[in-house]
Amino acid sequence: MSSAHPTTSAEVDRLPWTERTVRAAGECMVVHEPAPGLYDVYSEDGSRYRVEPDLGACECGDAQYRDPEHGCKHLRRVRLAIGAAQLPAGYQGRIDPVLEDRLAVTHGGQD
């Protein structure tokens, strides 16, 4: 797993407005925590990726080969789901209903 972007779960930052952020928010994904600090993200195509947000790490090819700033869509999705990140101010893109419910609980709704 890539570990170029360490974070701590106490940090909350606003993700940049990029295609990865739009995909992280809008695509159907399920986030499951099999152990503290370790998450499995199931994508709509049935793939599973292991994510460690405190290390900024994911097993996917995007994280492994491109290592994007702010992480791949799976890392961003986990960070959104656990309240470690927020969508860009004024975000008007589609939000997956599962994430939307989680954001309402975590952040009391979006700005």
PDB file of N, CA and C in Angstrom:
ATOM      1  N   MET A   1       0.829  -1.184   0.000  1.00  0.00           N
ATOM      2  CA  MET A   1       0.000   0.000   0.000  1.00  0.00           C
ATOM      3  C   MET A   1       0.870   1.242   0.000  1.00  0.00           C
ATOM      4  N   SER A   2       0.418   2.259  -0.691  1.00  0.00           N
ATOM      5  CA  SER A   2       1.128   3.529  -0.727  1.00  0.00           C
ATOM      6  C   SER A   2       0.964   4.243   0.604  1.00  0.00           C
ATOM      7  N   SER A   3       2.001   4.923   1.078  1.00  0.00           N
ATOM      8  CA  SER A   3       1.885   5.650   2.346  1.00  0.00           C
ATOM      9  C   SER A   3       2.464   7.052   2.252  1.00  0.00           C
ATOM     10  N   ALA A   4       2.343   7.674   1.098  1.00  0.00           N
ATOM     11  CA  ALA A   4       2.945   8.990   0.880  1.00  0.00           C
ATOM     12  C   ALA A   4       2.164  10.130   1.507  1.00  0.00           C
ATOM     13  N   HIS A   5       0.935   9.901   1.912  1.00  0.00           N
ATOM     14  CA  HIS A   5       0.112  10.990   2.425  1.00  0.00           C
ATOM     15  C   HIS A   5      -0.430  10.650   3.807  1.00  0.00           C
ATOM     16  N   PRO A   6       0.437  10.652   4.835  1.00  0.00           N
ATOM     17  CA  PRO A   6      -0.044  10.303   6.163  1.00  0.00           C
ATOM     18  C   PRO A   6      -1.078  11.301   6.675  1.00  0.00           C
ATOM     19  N   THR A   7      -2.045  10.803   7.396  1.00  0.00           N
ATOM     20  CA  THR A   7      -3.050  11.640   8.027  1.00  0.00           C
ATOM     21  C   THR A   7      -3.304  11.087   9.413  1.00  0.00           C
ATOM     22  N   THR A   8      -4.009  11.810  10.211  1.00  0.00           N
ATOM     23  CA  THR A   8      -4.503  11.257  11.459  1.00  0.00           C
ATOM     24  C   THR A   8      -6.002  11.395  11.430  1.00  0.00           C
ATOM     25  N   SER A   9      -6.691  10.485  12.085  1.00  0.00           N
ATOM     26  CA  SER A   9      -8.147  10.517  12.032  1.00  0.00           C
ATOM     27  C   SER A   9      -8.716  11.767  12.693  1.00  0.00           C
ATOM     28  N   ALA A  10      -7.904  12.496  13.487  1.00  0.00           N
ATOM     29  CA  ALA A  10      -8.364  13.718  14.136  1.00  0.00           C
ATOM     30  C   ALA A  10      -8.380  14.904  13.167  1.00  0.00           C
ATOM     31  N   GLU A  11      -7.640  14.813  12.055  1.00  0.00           N
ATOM     32  CA  GLU A  11      -7.604  15.895  11.081  1.00  0.00           C
ATOM     33  C   GLU A  11      -8.872  15.864  10.224  1.00  0.00           C
ATOM     34  N   VAL A  12      -9.415  17.035   9.947  1.00  0.00           N
ATOM     35  CA  VAL A  12     -10.536  17.140   9.020  1.00  0.00           C
ATOM     36  C   VAL A  12     -10.151  18.193   8.002  1.00  0.00           C
ATOM     37  N   ASP A  13     -10.126  17.802   6.738  1.00  0.00           N
ATOM     38  CA  ASP A  13      -9.799  18.785   5.718  1.00  0.00           C
ATOM     39  C   ASP A  13     -10.862  18.770   4.635  1.00  0.00           C
ATOM     40  N   ARG A  14     -10.888  19.817   3.868  1.00  0.00           N
ATOM     41  CA  ARG A  14     -11.837  19.933   2.771  1.00  0.00           C
ATOM     42  C   ARG A  14     -11.132  19.440   1.518  1.00  0.00           C
ATOM     43  N   LEU A  15     -11.710  18.407   0.897  1.00  0.00           N
ATOM     44  CA  LEU A  15     -11.113  17.845  -0.308  1.00  0.00           C
ATOM     45  C   LEU A  15     -11.180  18.838  -1.458  1.00  0.00           C
ATOM     46  N   PRO A  16     -10.226  18.765  -2.392  1.00  0.00           N
ATOM     47  CA  PRO A  16     -10.262  19.653  -3.556  1.00  0.00           C
ATOM     48  C   PRO A  16     -11.342  19.216  -4.537  1.00  0.00           C
ATOM     49  N   TRP A  17     -11.790  20.148  -5.353  1.00  0.00           N
ATOM     50  CA  TRP A  17     -12.784  19.861  -6.384  1.00  0.00           C
ATOM     51  C   TRP A  17     -12.041  19.228  -7.564  1.00  0.00           C
ATOM     52  N   THR A  18     -12.000  17.904  -7.603  1.00  0.00           N
ATOM     53  CA  THR A  18     -11.344  17.175  -8.692  1.00  0.00           C
ATOM     54  C   THR A  18     -12.230  16.008  -9.097  1.00  0.00           C
ATOM     55  N   GLU A  19     -11.889  15.395 -10.223  1.00  0.00           N
ATOM     56  CA  GLU A  19     -12.640  14.225 -10.693  1.00  0.00           C
ATOM     57  C   GLU A  19     -12.608  13.107  -9.656  1.00  0.00           C
ATOM     58  N   ARG A  20     -11.493  12.906  -8.975  1.00  0.00           N
ATOM     59  CA  ARG A  20     -11.422  11.851  -7.949  1.00  0.00           C
ATOM     60  C   ARG A  20     -12.394  12.138  -6.801  1.00  0.00           C
ATOM     61  N   THR A  21     -12.506  13.388  -6.410  1.00  0.00           N
ATOM     62  CA  THR A  21     -13.432  13.742  -5.337  1.00  0.00           C
ATOM     63  C   THR A  21     -14.873  13.520  -5.787  1.00  0.00           C
ATOM     64  N   VAL A  22     -15.188  13.906  -7.017  1.00  0.00           N
ATOM     65  CA  VAL A  22     -16.529  13.699  -7.552  1.00  0.00           C
ATOM     66  C   VAL A  22     -16.843  12.203  -7.580  1.00  0.00           C
ATOM     67  N   ARG A  23     -15.900  11.386  -8.018  1.00  0.00           N
ATOM     68  CA  ARG A  23     -16.109   9.943  -8.064  1.00  0.00           C
ATOM     69  C   ARG A  23     -16.212   9.350  -6.663  1.00  0.00           C
ATOM     70  N   ALA A  24     -15.399   9.839  -5.740  1.00  0.00           N
ATOM     71  CA  ALA A  24     -15.456   9.346  -4.360  1.00  0.00           C
ATOM     72  C   ALA A  24     -16.812   9.610  -3.726  1.00  0.00           C
ATOM     73  N   ALA A  25     -17.393  10.743  -4.037  1.00  0.00           N
ATOM     74  CA  ALA A  25     -18.688  11.111  -3.456  1.00  0.00           C
ATOM     75  C   ALA A  25     -19.855  10.475  -4.187  1.00  0.00           C
ATOM     76  N   GLY A  26     -19.764  10.338  -5.506  1.00  0.00           N
ATOM     77  CA  GLY A  26     -20.915   9.945  -6.293  1.00  0.00           C
ATOM     78  C   GLY A  26     -21.051   8.480  -6.625  1.00  0.00           C
ATOM     79  N   GLU A  27     -19.940   7.753  -6.680  1.00  0.00           N
ATOM     80  CA  GLU A  27     -20.025   6.345  -7.036  1.00  0.00           C
ATOM     81  C   GLU A  27     -20.560   5.524  -5.875  1.00  0.00           C
ATOM     82  N   CYS A  28     -21.267   4.464  -6.218  1.00  0.00           N
ATOM     83  CA  CYS A  28     -21.795   3.560  -5.205  1.00  0.00           C
ATOM     84  C   CYS A  28     -20.639   2.746  -4.631  1.00  0.00           C
ATOM     85  N   MET A  29     -20.339   2.943  -3.357  1.00  0.00           N
ATOM     86  CA  MET A  29     -19.287   2.203  -2.660  1.00  0.00           C
ATOM     87  C   MET A  29     -19.776   1.883  -1.254  1.00  0.00           C
ATOM     88  N   VAL A  30     -19.322   0.763  -0.753  1.00  0.00           N
ATOM     89  CA  VAL A  30     -19.633   0.377   0.619  1.00  0.00           C
ATOM     90  C   VAL A  30     -18.323   0.357   1.390  1.00  0.00           C
ATOM     91  N   VAL A  31     -18.314   1.001   2.549  1.00  0.00           N
ATOM     92  CA  VAL A  31     -17.136   1.047   3.402  1.00  0.00           C
ATOM     93  C   VAL A  31     -17.400   0.182   4.623  1.00  0.00           C
ATOM     94  N   HIS A  32     -16.493  -0.762   4.872  1.00  0.00           N
ATOM     95  CA  HIS A  32     -16.610  -1.676   6.012  1.00  0.00           C
ATOM     96  C   HIS A  32     -15.310  -1.610   6.812  1.00  0.00           C
ATOM     97  N   GLU A  33     -15.425  -1.574   8.133  1.00  0.00           N
ATOM     98  CA  GLU A  33     -14.248  -1.507   9.006  1.00  0.00           C
ATOM     99  C   GLU A  33     -14.041  -2.870   9.677  1.00  0.00           C
ATOM    100  N   PRO A  34     -13.181  -3.749   9.105  1.00  0.00           N
ATOM    101  CA  PRO A  34     -12.962  -5.066   9.702  1.00  0.00           C
ATOM    102  C   PRO A  34     -12.111  -5.023  10.974  1.00  0.00           C
ATOM    103  N   ALA A  35     -11.340  -3.958  11.144  1.00  0.00           N
ATOM    104  CA  ALA A  35     -10.498  -3.778  12.329  1.00  0.00           C
ATOM    105  C   ALA A  35     -10.308  -2.276  12.528  1.00  0.00           C
ATOM    106  N   PRO A  36     -10.037  -1.844  13.739  1.00  0.00           N
ATOM    107  CA  PRO A  36      -9.852  -0.404  13.978  1.00  0.00           C
ATOM    108  C   PRO A  36      -8.798   0.202  13.046  1.00  0.00           C
ATOM    109  N   GLY A  37      -9.197   1.258  12.339  1.00  0.00           N
ATOM    110  CA  GLY A  37      -8.275   1.968  11.455  1.00  0.00           C
ATOM    111  C   GLY A  37      -8.021   1.296  10.123  1.00  0.00           C
ATOM    112  N   LEU A  38      -8.696   0.191   9.846  1.00  0.00           N
ATOM    113  CA  LEU A  38      -8.513  -0.558   8.606  1.00  0.00           C
ATOM    114  C   LEU A  38      -9.879  -0.702   7.938  1.00  0.00           C
ATOM    115  N   TYR A  39      -9.980  -0.337   6.664  1.00  0.00           N
ATOM    116  CA  TYR A  39     -11.262  -0.308   5.973  1.00  0.00           C
ATOM    117  C   TYR A  39     -11.195  -1.078   4.668  1.00  0.00           C
ATOM    118  N   ASP A  40     -12.270  -1.775   4.355  1.00  0.00           N
ATOM    119  CA  ASP A  40     -12.450  -2.390   3.049  1.00  0.00           C
ATOM    120  C   ASP A  40     -13.474  -1.542   2.311  1.00  0.00           C
ATOM    121  N   VAL A  41     -13.143  -1.164   1.080  1.00  0.00           N
ATOM    122  CA  VAL A  41     -14.057  -0.404   0.244  1.00  0.00           C
ATOM    123  C   VAL A  41     -14.461  -1.314  -0.908  1.00  0.00           C
ATOM    124  N   TYR A  42     -15.767  -1.536  -1.019  1.00  0.00           N
ATOM    125  CA  TYR A  42     -16.322  -2.348  -2.092  1.00  0.00           C
ATOM    126  C   TYR A  42     -16.884  -1.403  -3.146  1.00  0.00           C
ATOM    127  N   SER A  43     -16.324  -1.466  -4.351  1.00  0.00           N
ATOM    128  CA  SER A  43     -16.753  -0.607  -5.452  1.00  0.00           C
ATOM    129  C   SER A  43     -17.972  -1.204  -6.131  1.00  0.00           C
ATOM    130  N   GLU A  44     -18.633  -0.393  -6.943  1.00  0.00           N
ATOM    131  CA  GLU A  44     -19.844  -0.857  -7.605  1.00  0.00           C
ATOM    132  C   GLU A  44     -19.585  -2.004  -8.566  1.00  0.00           C
ATOM    133  N   ASP A  45     -18.346  -2.197  -9.011  1.00  0.00           N
ATOM    134  CA  ASP A  45     -18.031  -3.329  -9.888  1.00  0.00           C
ATOM    135  C   ASP A  45     -17.711  -4.600  -9.103  1.00  0.00           C
ATOM    136  N   GLY A  46     -17.793  -4.530  -7.768  1.00  0.00           N
ATOM    137  CA  GLY A  46     -17.549  -5.698  -6.924  1.00  0.00           C
ATOM    138  C   GLY A  46     -16.114  -5.827  -6.423  1.00  0.00           C
ATOM    139  N   SER A  47     -15.235  -4.944  -6.835  1.00  0.00           N
ATOM    140  CA  SER A  47     -13.847  -4.989  -6.366  1.00  0.00           C
ATOM    141  C   SER A  47     -13.762  -4.557  -4.908  1.00  0.00           C
ATOM    142  N   ARG A  48     -12.782  -5.107  -4.192  1.00  0.00           N
ATOM    143  CA  ARG A  48     -12.529  -4.711  -2.803  1.00  0.00           C
ATOM    144  C   ARG A  48     -11.116  -4.152  -2.704  1.00  0.00           C
ATOM    145  N   TYR A  49     -11.004  -3.026  -2.016  1.00  0.00           N
ATOM    146  CA  TYR A  49      -9.702  -2.401  -1.795  1.00  0.00           C
ATOM    147  C   TYR A  49      -9.524  -2.153  -0.314  1.00  0.00           C
ATOM    148  N   ARG A  50      -8.374  -2.491   0.223  1.00  0.00           N
ATOM    149  CA  ARG A  50      -8.044  -2.256   1.625  1.00  0.00           C
ATOM    150  C   ARG A  50      -7.467  -0.862   1.745  1.00  0.00           C
ATOM    151  N   VAL A  51      -7.987  -0.082   2.689  1.00  0.00           N
ATOM    152  CA  VAL A  51      -7.587   1.311   2.878  1.00  0.00           C
ATOM    153  C   VAL A  51      -7.190   1.527   4.330  1.00  0.00           C
ATOM    154  N   GLU A  52      -6.068   2.207   4.534  1.00  0.00           N
ATOM    155  CA  GLU A  52      -5.608   2.622   5.859  1.00  0.00           C
ATOM    156  C   GLU A  52      -5.491   4.145   5.850  1.00  0.00           C
ATOM    157  N   PRO A  53      -6.559   4.847   6.261  1.00  0.00           N
ATOM    158  CA  PRO A  53      -6.544   6.311   6.150  1.00  0.00           C
ATOM    159  C   PRO A  53      -5.471   6.990   6.987  1.00  0.00           C
ATOM    160  N   ASP A  54      -5.101   6.436   8.130  1.00  0.00           N
ATOM    161  CA  ASP A  54      -4.065   7.076   8.938  1.00  0.00           C
ATOM    162  C   ASP A  54      -2.708   7.066   8.241  1.00  0.00           C
ATOM    163  N   LEU A  55      -2.527   6.135   7.294  1.00  0.00           N
ATOM    164  CA  LEU A  55      -1.292   6.087   6.505  1.00  0.00           C
ATOM    165  C   LEU A  55      -1.471   6.714   5.129  1.00  0.00           C
ATOM    166  N   GLY A  56      -2.717   7.065   4.772  1.00  0.00           N
ATOM    167  CA  GLY A  56      -2.985   7.581   3.433  1.00  0.00           C
ATOM    168  C   GLY A  56      -2.792   6.503   2.382  1.00  0.00           C
ATOM    169  N   ALA A  57      -3.132   5.255   2.718  1.00  0.00           N
ATOM    170  CA  ALA A  57      -2.793   4.115   1.867  1.00  0.00           C
ATOM    171  C   ALA A  57      -4.024   3.384   1.333  1.00  0.00           C
ATOM    172  N   CYS A  58      -3.901   2.902   0.083  1.00  0.00           N
ATOM    173  CA  CYS A  58      -4.920   2.065  -0.553  1.00  0.00           C
ATOM    174  C   CYS A  58      -4.203   1.092  -1.482  1.00  0.00           C
ATOM    175  N   GLU A  59      -4.820  -0.067  -1.697  1.00  0.00           N
ATOM    176  CA  GLU A  59      -4.237  -1.096  -2.563  1.00  0.00           C
ATOM    177  C   GLU A  59      -4.498  -0.883  -4.044  1.00  0.00           C
ATOM    178  N   CYS A  60      -5.351   0.060  -4.419  1.00  0.00           N
ATOM    179  CA  CYS A  60      -5.745   0.200  -5.822  1.00  0.00           C
ATOM    180  C   CYS A  60      -4.582   0.696  -6.689  1.00  0.00           C
ATOM    181  N   GLY A  61      -4.728   0.477  -7.993  1.00  0.00           N
ATOM    182  CA  GLY A  61      -3.703   0.897  -8.944  1.00  0.00           C
ATOM    183  C   GLY A  61      -3.476   2.398  -8.968  1.00  0.00           C
ATOM    184  N   ASP A  62      -4.530   3.183  -8.793  1.00  0.00           N
ATOM    185  CA  ASP A  62      -4.382   4.632  -8.780  1.00  0.00           C
ATOM    186  C   ASP A  62      -3.446   5.061  -7.654  1.00  0.00           C
ATOM    187  N   ALA A  63      -3.652   4.511  -6.470  1.00  0.00           N
ATOM    188  CA  ALA A  63      -2.793   4.844  -5.329  1.00  0.00           C
ATOM    189  C   ALA A  63      -1.375   4.297  -5.530  1.00  0.00           C
ATOM    190  N   GLN A  64      -1.273   3.084  -6.053  1.00  0.00           N
ATOM    191  CA  GLN A  64       0.030   2.434  -6.211  1.00  0.00           C
ATOM    192  C   GLN A  64       0.908   3.071  -7.290  1.00  0.00           C
ATOM    193  N   TYR A  65       0.292   3.450  -8.415  1.00  0.00           N
ATOM    194  CA  TYR A  65       1.085   3.906  -9.558  1.00  0.00           C
ATOM    195  C   TYR A  65       1.046   5.405  -9.811  1.00  0.00           C
ATOM    196  N   ARG A  66      -0.044   6.068  -9.422  1.00  0.00           N
ATOM    197  CA  ARG A  66      -0.141   7.514  -9.652  1.00  0.00           C
ATOM    198  C   ARG A  66       0.021   8.313  -8.365  1.00  0.00           C
ATOM    199  N   ASP A  67      -0.316   7.711  -7.234  1.00  0.00           N
ATOM    200  CA  ASP A  67      -0.165   8.334  -5.922  1.00  0.00           C
ATOM    201  C   ASP A  67      -0.668   9.784  -5.901  1.00  0.00           C
ATOM    202  N   PRO A  68      -1.959   9.996  -6.216  1.00  0.00           N
ATOM    203  CA  PRO A  68      -2.467  11.367  -6.308  1.00  0.00           C
ATOM    204  C   PRO A  68      -2.479  12.105  -4.969  1.00  0.00           C
ATOM    205  N   GLU A  69      -2.255  13.396  -5.039  1.00  0.00           N
ATOM    206  CA  GLU A  69      -2.366  14.231  -3.846  1.00  0.00           C
ATOM    207  C   GLU A  69      -3.795  14.081  -3.298  1.00  0.00           C
ATOM    208  N   HIS A  70      -3.951  13.962  -2.011  1.00  0.00           N
ATOM    209  CA  HIS A  70      -5.225  13.735  -1.325  1.00  0.00           C
ATOM    210  C   HIS A  70      -5.742  12.309  -1.499  1.00  0.00           C
ATOM    211  N   GLY A  71      -4.998  11.449  -2.175  1.00  0.00           N
ATOM    212  CA  GLY A  71      -5.345  10.042  -2.280  1.00  0.00           C
ATOM    213  C   GLY A  71      -6.293   9.696  -3.407  1.00  0.00           C
ATOM    214  N   CYS A  72      -6.463   8.393  -3.583  1.00  0.00           N
ATOM    215  CA  CYS A  72      -7.364   7.855  -4.604  1.00  0.00           C
ATOM    216  C   CYS A  72      -8.817   8.041  -4.153  1.00  0.00           C
ATOM    217  N   LYS A  73      -9.754   7.652  -5.018  1.00  0.00           N
ATOM    218  CA  LYS A  73     -11.172   7.809  -4.679  1.00  0.00           C
ATOM    219  C   LYS A  73     -11.571   6.936  -3.490  1.00  0.00           C
ATOM    220  N   HIS A  74     -10.922   5.788  -3.304  1.00  0.00           N
ATOM    221  CA  HIS A  74     -11.267   4.902  -2.189  1.00  0.00           C
ATOM    222  C   HIS A  74     -10.855   5.520  -0.859  1.00  0.00           C
ATOM    223  N   LEU A  75      -9.641   6.068  -0.817  1.00  0.00           N
ATOM    224  CA  LEU A  75      -9.167   6.743   0.388  1.00  0.00           C
ATOM    225  C   LEU A  75     -10.040   7.955   0.687  1.00  0.00           C
ATOM    226  N   ARG A  76     -10.365   8.732  -0.333  1.00  0.00           N
ATOM    227  CA  ARG A  76     -11.225   9.897  -0.128  1.00  0.00           C
ATOM    228  C   ARG A  76     -12.590   9.465   0.399  1.00  0.00           C
ATOM    229  N   ARG A  77     -13.133   8.374  -0.148  1.00  0.00           N
ATOM    230  CA  ARG A  77     -14.446   7.903   0.291  1.00  0.00           C
ATOM    231  C   ARG A  77     -14.402   7.499   1.765  1.00  0.00           C
ATOM    232  N   VAL A  78     -13.363   6.777   2.176  1.00  0.00           N
ATOM    233  CA  VAL A  78     -13.234   6.397   3.587  1.00  0.00           C
ATOM    234  C   VAL A  78     -13.126   7.645   4.447  1.00  0.00           C
ATOM    235  N   ARG A  79     -12.285   8.573   4.058  1.00  0.00           N
ATOM    236  CA  ARG A  79     -12.105   9.790   4.850  1.00  0.00           C
ATOM    237  C   ARG A  79     -13.403  10.575   4.972  1.00  0.00           C
ATOM    238  N   LEU A  80     -14.201  10.610   3.905  1.00  0.00           N
ATOM    239  CA  LEU A  80     -15.513  11.254   3.978  1.00  0.00           C
ATOM    240  C   LEU A  80     -16.429  10.493   4.932  1.00  0.00           C
ATOM    241  N   ALA A  81     -16.434   9.178   4.811  1.00  0.00           N
ATOM    242  CA  ALA A  81     -17.338   8.345   5.610  1.00  0.00           C
ATOM    243  C   ALA A  81     -17.035   8.399   7.105  1.00  0.00           C
ATOM    244  N   ILE A  82     -15.758   8.546   7.466  1.00  0.00           N
ATOM    245  CA  ILE A  82     -15.401   8.554   8.892  1.00  0.00           C
ATOM    246  C   ILE A  82     -15.310   9.971   9.455  1.00  0.00           C
ATOM    247  N   GLY A  83     -15.560  10.972   8.613  1.00  0.00           N
ATOM    248  CA  GLY A  83     -15.545  12.347   9.097  1.00  0.00           C
ATOM    249  C   GLY A  83     -14.177  12.993   9.129  1.00  0.00           C
ATOM    250  N   ALA A  84     -13.188  12.386   8.460  1.00  0.00           N
ATOM    251  CA  ALA A  84     -11.846  12.959   8.427  1.00  0.00           C
ATOM    252  C   ALA A  84     -11.675  13.951   7.284  1.00  0.00           C
ATOM    253  N   ALA A  85     -12.666  14.028   6.390  1.00  0.00           N
ATOM    254  CA  ALA A  85     -12.625  14.961   5.268  1.00  0.00           C
ATOM    255  C   ALA A  85     -14.036  15.424   4.962  1.00  0.00           C
ATOM    256  N   GLN A  86     -14.108  16.572   4.300  1.00  0.00           N
ATOM    257  CA  GLN A  86     -15.380  17.131   3.864  1.00  0.00           C
ATOM    258  C   GLN A  86     -15.309  17.397   2.372  1.00  0.00           C
ATOM    259  N   LEU A  87     -16.472  17.443   1.751  1.00  0.00           N
ATOM    260  CA  LEU A  87     -16.539  17.796   0.337  1.00  0.00           C
ATOM    261  C   LEU A  87     -16.198  19.271   0.165  1.00  0.00           C
ATOM    262  N   PRO A  88     -15.794  19.672  -1.051  1.00  0.00           N
ATOM    263  CA  PRO A  88     -15.479  21.080  -1.287  1.00  0.00           C
ATOM    264  C   PRO A  88     -16.671  21.977  -0.961  1.00  0.00           C
ATOM    265  N   ALA A  89     -16.391  23.185  -0.520  1.00  0.00           N
ATOM    266  CA  ALA A  89     -17.458  24.147  -0.239  1.00  0.00           C
ATOM    267  C   ALA A  89     -18.316  24.324  -1.481  1.00  0.00           C
ATOM    268  N   GLY A  90     -19.616  24.321  -1.295  1.00  0.00           N
ATOM    269  CA  GLY A  90     -20.537  24.506  -2.400  1.00  0.00           C
ATOM    270  C   GLY A  90     -20.663  23.316  -3.325  1.00  0.00           C
ATOM    271  N   TYR A  91     -20.215  22.136  -2.897  1.00  0.00           N
ATOM    272  CA  TYR A  91     -20.265  20.936  -3.738  1.00  0.00           C
ATOM    273  C   TYR A  91     -21.677  20.715  -4.258  1.00  0.00           C
ATOM    274  N   GLN A  92     -21.824  20.624  -5.565  1.00  0.00           N
ATOM    275  CA  GLN A  92     -23.133  20.438  -6.180  1.00  0.00           C
ATOM    276  C   GLN A  92     -23.232  19.132  -6.956  1.00  0.00           C
ATOM    277  N   GLY A  93     -22.217  18.274  -6.851  1.00  0.00           N
ATOM    278  CA  GLY A  93     -22.247  17.012  -7.577  1.00  0.00           C
ATOM    279  C   GLY A  93     -23.143  15.978  -6.906  1.00  0.00           C
ATOM    280  N   ARG A  94     -23.315  14.847  -7.574  1.00  0.00           N
ATOM    281  CA  ARG A  94     -24.111  13.751  -7.038  1.00  0.00           C
ATOM    282  C   ARG A  94     -23.415  13.166  -5.822  1.00  0.00           C
ATOM    283  N   ILE A  95     -24.206  12.804  -4.814  1.00  0.00           N
ATOM    284  CA  ILE A  95     -23.668  12.126  -3.636  1.00  0.00           C
ATOM    285  C   ILE A  95     -24.380  10.792  -3.505  1.00  0.00           C
ATOM    286  N   ASP A  96     -23.599   9.727  -3.402  1.00  0.00           N
ATOM    287  CA  ASP A  96     -24.154   8.392  -3.205  1.00  0.00           C
ATOM    288  C   ASP A  96     -25.041   8.427  -1.961  1.00  0.00           C
ATOM    289  N   PRO A  97     -26.267   7.889  -2.021  1.00  0.00           N
ATOM    290  CA  PRO A  97     -27.181   7.946  -0.870  1.00  0.00           C
ATOM    291  C   PRO A  97     -26.602   7.366   0.422  1.00  0.00           C
ATOM    292  N   VAL A  98     -25.777   6.332   0.314  1.00  0.00           N
ATOM    293  CA  VAL A  98     -25.153   5.752   1.508  1.00  0.00           C
ATOM    294  C   VAL A  98     -24.221   6.771   2.155  1.00  0.00           C
ATOM    295  N   LEU A  99     -23.425   7.447   1.346  1.00  0.00           N
ATOM    296  CA  LEU A  99     -22.526   8.473   1.866  1.00  0.00           C
ATOM    297  C   LEU A  99     -23.316   9.675   2.359  1.00  0.00           C
ATOM    298  N   GLU A 100     -24.336  10.053   1.649  1.00  0.00           N
ATOM    299  CA  GLU A 100     -25.149  11.203   2.043  1.00  0.00           C
ATOM    300  C   GLU A 100     -25.733  11.000   3.448  1.00  0.00           C
ATOM    301  N   ASP A 101     -26.228   9.802   3.727  1.00  0.00           N
ATOM    302  CA  ASP A 101     -26.742   9.500   5.069  1.00  0.00           C
ATOM    303  C   ASP A 101     -25.633   9.612   6.105  1.00  0.00           C
ATOM    304  N   ARG A 102     -24.458   9.112   5.773  1.00  0.00           N
ATOM    305  CA  ARG A 102     -23.324   9.148   6.707  1.00  0.00           C
ATOM    306  C   ARG A 102     -22.877  10.583   6.951  1.00  0.00           C
ATOM    307  N   LEU A 103     -22.845  11.402   5.894  1.00  0.00           N
ATOM    308  CA  LEU A 103     -22.434  12.798   6.048  1.00  0.00           C
ATOM    309  C   LEU A 103     -23.408  13.563   6.936  1.00  0.00           C
ATOM    310  N   ALA A 104     -24.675  13.274   6.826  1.00  0.00           N
ATOM    311  CA  ALA A 104     -25.669  13.946   7.665  1.00  0.00           C
ATOM    312  C   ALA A 104     -25.426  13.632   9.132  1.00  0.00           C
ATOM    313  N   VAL A 105     -25.007  12.413   9.446  1.00  0.00           N
ATOM    314  CA  VAL A 105     -24.710  12.013  10.822  1.00  0.00           C
ATOM    315  C   VAL A 105     -23.382  12.608  11.279  1.00  0.00           C
ATOM    316  N   THR A 106     -22.345  12.480  10.426  1.00  0.00           N
ATOM    317  CA  THR A 106     -21.003  12.917  10.801  1.00  0.00           C
ATOM    318  C   THR A 106     -20.858  14.424  10.910  1.00  0.00           C
ATOM    319  N   HIS A 107     -21.419  15.148   9.947  1.00  0.00           N
ATOM    320  CA  HIS A 107     -21.198  16.595   9.876  1.00  0.00           C
ATOM    321  C   HIS A 107     -22.446  17.404  10.150  1.00  0.00           C
ATOM    322  N   GLY A 108     -23.547  16.737  10.426  1.00  0.00           N
ATOM    323  CA  GLY A 108     -24.792  17.484  10.610  1.00  0.00           C
ATOM    324  C   GLY A 108     -25.240  18.132   9.317  1.00  0.00           C
ATOM    325  N   GLY A 109     -24.896  17.509   8.174  1.00  0.00           N
ATOM    326  CA  GLY A 109     -25.223  18.079   6.870  1.00  0.00           C
ATOM    327  C   GLY A 109     -24.011  18.805   6.324  1.00  0.00           C
ATOM    328  N   GLN A 110     -24.073  19.216   5.094  1.00  0.00           N
ATOM    329  CA  GLN A 110     -22.959  19.923   4.437  1.00  0.00           C
ATOM    330  C   GLN A 110     -23.218  21.420   4.434  1.00  0.00           C
ATOM    331  N   ASP A 111     -22.126  22.202   4.310  1.00  0.00           N
ATOM    332  CA  ASP A 111     -22.234  23.659   4.211  1.00  0.00           C
ATOM    333  C   ASP A 111     -23.025  24.032   2.988  1.00  0.00           C
TER     334      ASP A 111
END
